[in-house]
Protein backbone atom coordinates (compact mmCIF):
# COMPACT_ATOMS: atom_id res chain seq x y z
CA MET A 1 -36.34 189.10 13.93
CA ALA A 2 -38.04 185.96 15.14
CA TYR A 3 -36.21 183.86 17.71
CA PRO A 4 -35.11 180.54 16.16
CA LEU A 5 -36.76 177.43 17.54
CA LEU A 6 -34.81 174.20 17.83
CA PRO A 7 -36.41 171.23 16.04
CA LYS A 8 -37.00 168.68 18.85
CA GLN A 9 -39.88 169.30 21.25
CA MET A 10 -40.95 167.39 24.36
CA PRO A 11 -44.10 165.25 24.39
CA GLU A 12 -47.24 167.17 25.33
CA ARG A 13 -47.53 165.05 28.50
CA ILE A 14 -44.83 167.23 30.08
CA LYS A 15 -47.53 169.89 30.53
CA LYS A 16 -49.33 167.62 33.01
CA VAL A 17 -46.07 167.18 34.94
CA TRP A 18 -45.58 170.95 35.11
CA GLN A 19 -49.20 171.43 36.24
CA LYS A 20 -48.82 168.85 39.00
CA SER A 21 -45.49 170.35 40.06
CA ASN A 22 -47.06 173.82 40.27
CA LEU A 23 -49.97 172.41 42.29
CA LEU A 24 -47.61 170.68 44.71
CA SER A 25 -45.67 173.94 45.16
CA LEU A 26 -48.94 175.77 45.84
CA ILE A 27 -49.95 173.20 48.48
CA ILE A 28 -46.54 173.38 50.18
CA PHE A 29 -46.49 177.19 50.30
CA LEU A 30 -50.10 177.36 51.51
CA ALA A 31 -49.30 174.81 54.24
CA ILE A 32 -46.24 176.78 55.35
CA GLY A 33 -48.30 179.99 55.42
CA SER A 34 -51.06 178.28 57.36
CA VAL A 35 -48.62 176.97 59.99
CA VAL A 36 -47.05 180.42 60.41
CA ALA A 37 -50.48 182.11 60.55
CA THR A 38 -51.69 179.56 63.12
CA ILE A 39 -48.60 180.16 65.30
CA LEU A 40 -49.13 183.92 65.07
CA LYS A 41 -52.83 183.53 65.93
CA LEU A 42 -52.11 181.27 68.91
CA ASN A 43 -49.65 183.87 70.20
CA HIS A 44 -52.21 186.64 69.62
CA LEU A 45 -49.93 188.34 67.09
CA LEU A 46 -52.15 187.99 64.03
CA LYS A 47 -53.36 191.59 64.22
CA GLU A 48 -52.95 194.74 62.12
CA VAL A 49 -49.65 194.56 60.22
CA TRP A 50 -49.15 190.82 60.65
CA LEU A 51 -52.68 190.14 59.43
CA TRP A 52 -52.08 192.18 56.27
CA LEU A 53 -48.73 190.46 55.71
CA ALA A 54 -50.39 187.05 56.05
CA VAL A 55 -53.19 187.99 53.64
CA GLY A 56 -50.62 189.42 51.22
CA TYR A 57 -48.58 186.23 51.41
CA PHE A 58 -51.58 184.02 50.56
CA VAL A 59 -52.70 186.31 47.74
CA LEU A 60 -49.14 186.36 46.30
CA VAL A 61 -48.84 182.56 46.44
CA VAL A 62 -52.16 182.09 44.62
CA VAL A 63 -51.35 184.75 41.99
CA ILE A 64 -47.96 183.15 41.26
CA PHE A 65 -49.68 179.75 40.94
CA VAL A 66 -52.29 181.08 38.50
CA ILE A 67 -49.65 182.85 36.39
CA SER A 68 -47.47 179.73 36.34
CA GLN A 69 -50.42 177.61 35.21
CA LEU A 70 -51.36 180.10 32.48
CA LEU A 71 -47.79 180.23 31.14
CA ILE A 72 -47.42 176.45 30.72
CA PRO A 73 -48.39 176.49 27.00
CA TYR A 74 -45.76 179.18 26.34
CA ARG A 75 -43.18 177.30 28.37
CA TYR A 76 -43.91 174.17 26.34
CA LYS A 77 -43.54 176.00 23.03
CA PHE A 78 -40.00 177.14 23.85
CA HIS A 79 -38.73 174.09 25.77
CA ARG A 80 -36.74 172.30 23.02
CA TYR A 81 -33.45 170.62 22.22
CA GLU A 82 -31.24 169.56 19.32
CA ILE A 83 -28.33 167.16 18.91
CA THR A 84 -25.65 167.70 16.29
CA PRO A 85 -22.36 165.82 15.86
CA GLU A 86 -20.54 168.74 17.51
CA ASP A 87 -22.82 169.79 20.34
CA LEU A 88 -26.11 169.56 22.22
CA ALA A 89 -28.40 172.56 22.28
CA PHE A 90 -30.98 173.26 25.02
CA GLN A 91 -33.62 175.93 24.54
CA LYS A 92 -35.79 177.32 27.32
CA GLY A 93 -37.65 180.41 28.42
CA TYR A 94 -40.84 182.04 27.24
CA ILE A 95 -40.14 185.61 28.27
CA PHE A 96 -36.35 185.57 28.48
CA ARG A 97 -35.33 182.95 25.94
CA SER A 98 -31.98 181.24 25.78
CA ILE A 99 -30.23 178.51 23.85
CA THR A 100 -27.32 176.77 25.57
CA TYR A 101 -24.83 174.85 23.46
CA VAL A 102 -22.79 172.10 25.12
CA PRO A 103 -19.85 170.78 23.08
CA ILE A 104 -19.86 166.98 22.93
CA ASN A 105 -16.22 166.76 24.01
CA ARG A 106 -17.01 168.70 27.23
CA ILE A 107 -19.57 166.18 28.48
CA GLN A 108 -18.30 164.17 31.45
CA HIS A 109 -21.24 161.85 32.09
CA VAL A 110 -24.94 161.43 31.44
CA GLU A 111 -27.60 160.58 34.03
CA THR A 112 -31.27 159.70 33.80
CA GLU A 113 -33.84 160.48 36.49
CA GLN A 114 -37.54 159.88 36.89
CA GLY A 115 -39.54 161.40 39.71
CA PRO A 116 -43.10 160.37 40.56
CA PHE A 117 -44.78 162.91 38.25
CA LEU A 118 -42.56 161.95 35.31
CA ARG A 119 -43.05 158.23 36.05
CA LYS A 120 -46.84 158.65 36.04
CA GLU A 121 -46.66 160.15 32.53
CA ASN A 122 -44.03 157.60 31.35
CA LEU A 123 -41.43 160.35 30.92
CA MET A 124 -37.80 160.67 31.96
CA GLU A 125 -35.18 163.38 32.53
CA ILE A 126 -31.65 163.31 31.13
CA ILE A 127 -28.95 165.23 32.99
CA ILE A 128 -25.81 166.14 31.05
CA HIS A 129 -22.83 166.81 33.35
CA THR A 130 -19.91 168.99 32.32
CA ALA A 131 -17.05 170.32 34.43
CA ALA A 132 -18.85 173.64 34.86
CA THR A 133 -22.50 172.71 35.36
CA ASP A 134 -25.38 170.32 34.73
CA HIS A 135 -27.92 170.61 31.92
CA HIS A 136 -31.39 169.12 32.39
CA LEU A 137 -33.60 167.83 29.65
CA ALA A 138 -36.84 166.76 31.32
CA GLY A 139 -39.90 165.31 29.71
CA LEU A 140 -38.62 162.80 27.20
CA ASP A 141 -40.38 159.51 26.53
CA VAL A 142 -38.58 156.74 28.42
CA GLU A 143 -37.56 154.93 25.24
CA GLU A 144 -36.42 158.16 23.60
CA ALA A 145 -34.46 159.15 26.71
CA MET A 146 -32.61 155.83 26.83
CA THR A 147 -31.84 156.00 23.09
CA LEU A 148 -30.70 159.61 23.43
CA ARG A 149 -28.51 158.75 26.41
CA LYS A 150 -26.82 155.95 24.45
CA GLN A 151 -26.39 158.22 21.43
CA ILE A 152 -24.77 160.96 23.55
CA ILE A 153 -22.44 158.46 25.25
CA ASP A 154 -21.38 157.07 21.86
CA MET A 155 -20.80 160.59 20.51
CA VAL A 156 -18.70 161.45 23.58
CA LYS A 157 -16.58 158.32 23.09
CA VAL A 158 -15.91 159.26 19.47
CA ALA A 159 -15.12 162.88 20.43
CA LYS A 160 -12.69 161.77 23.18
CA GLU A 161 -10.92 159.37 20.77
CA ASP A 162 -10.43 162.18 18.23
CA VAL A 163 -8.68 164.43 20.77
């Protein structure tokens, strides 16, 4: 049986944000590894086992980066959402897929965020807060995000009045 896909998909520009985020993570982990390797070398400890551990660390960081970059198209395909009068649905995962349904009447408040990578691509993130957790929907067009935020708030008001 094929896994159902929700109808709404993010703009393709979110792929660039994910690529930049992966690149930043790579740079940070390589910098941390370089600092640790330099400290070990200055203390004359970068020999035998420590040398192999350092090489293994750098190889692992690069392999994880390459795999993350290669999986971006799959991540994009399964990163979706849907809004119904009763609930919001968030779909994610390309290997282990999941759909999370959040009942409208359980939503406490809605936030919008925009980091530098999202801002550069004219995208925004909506965060749906419930009593139990937060649900993130990153990569919406700014106009769409603001419209969606207003729509969710209006739906929550109607749901709270009905209770």
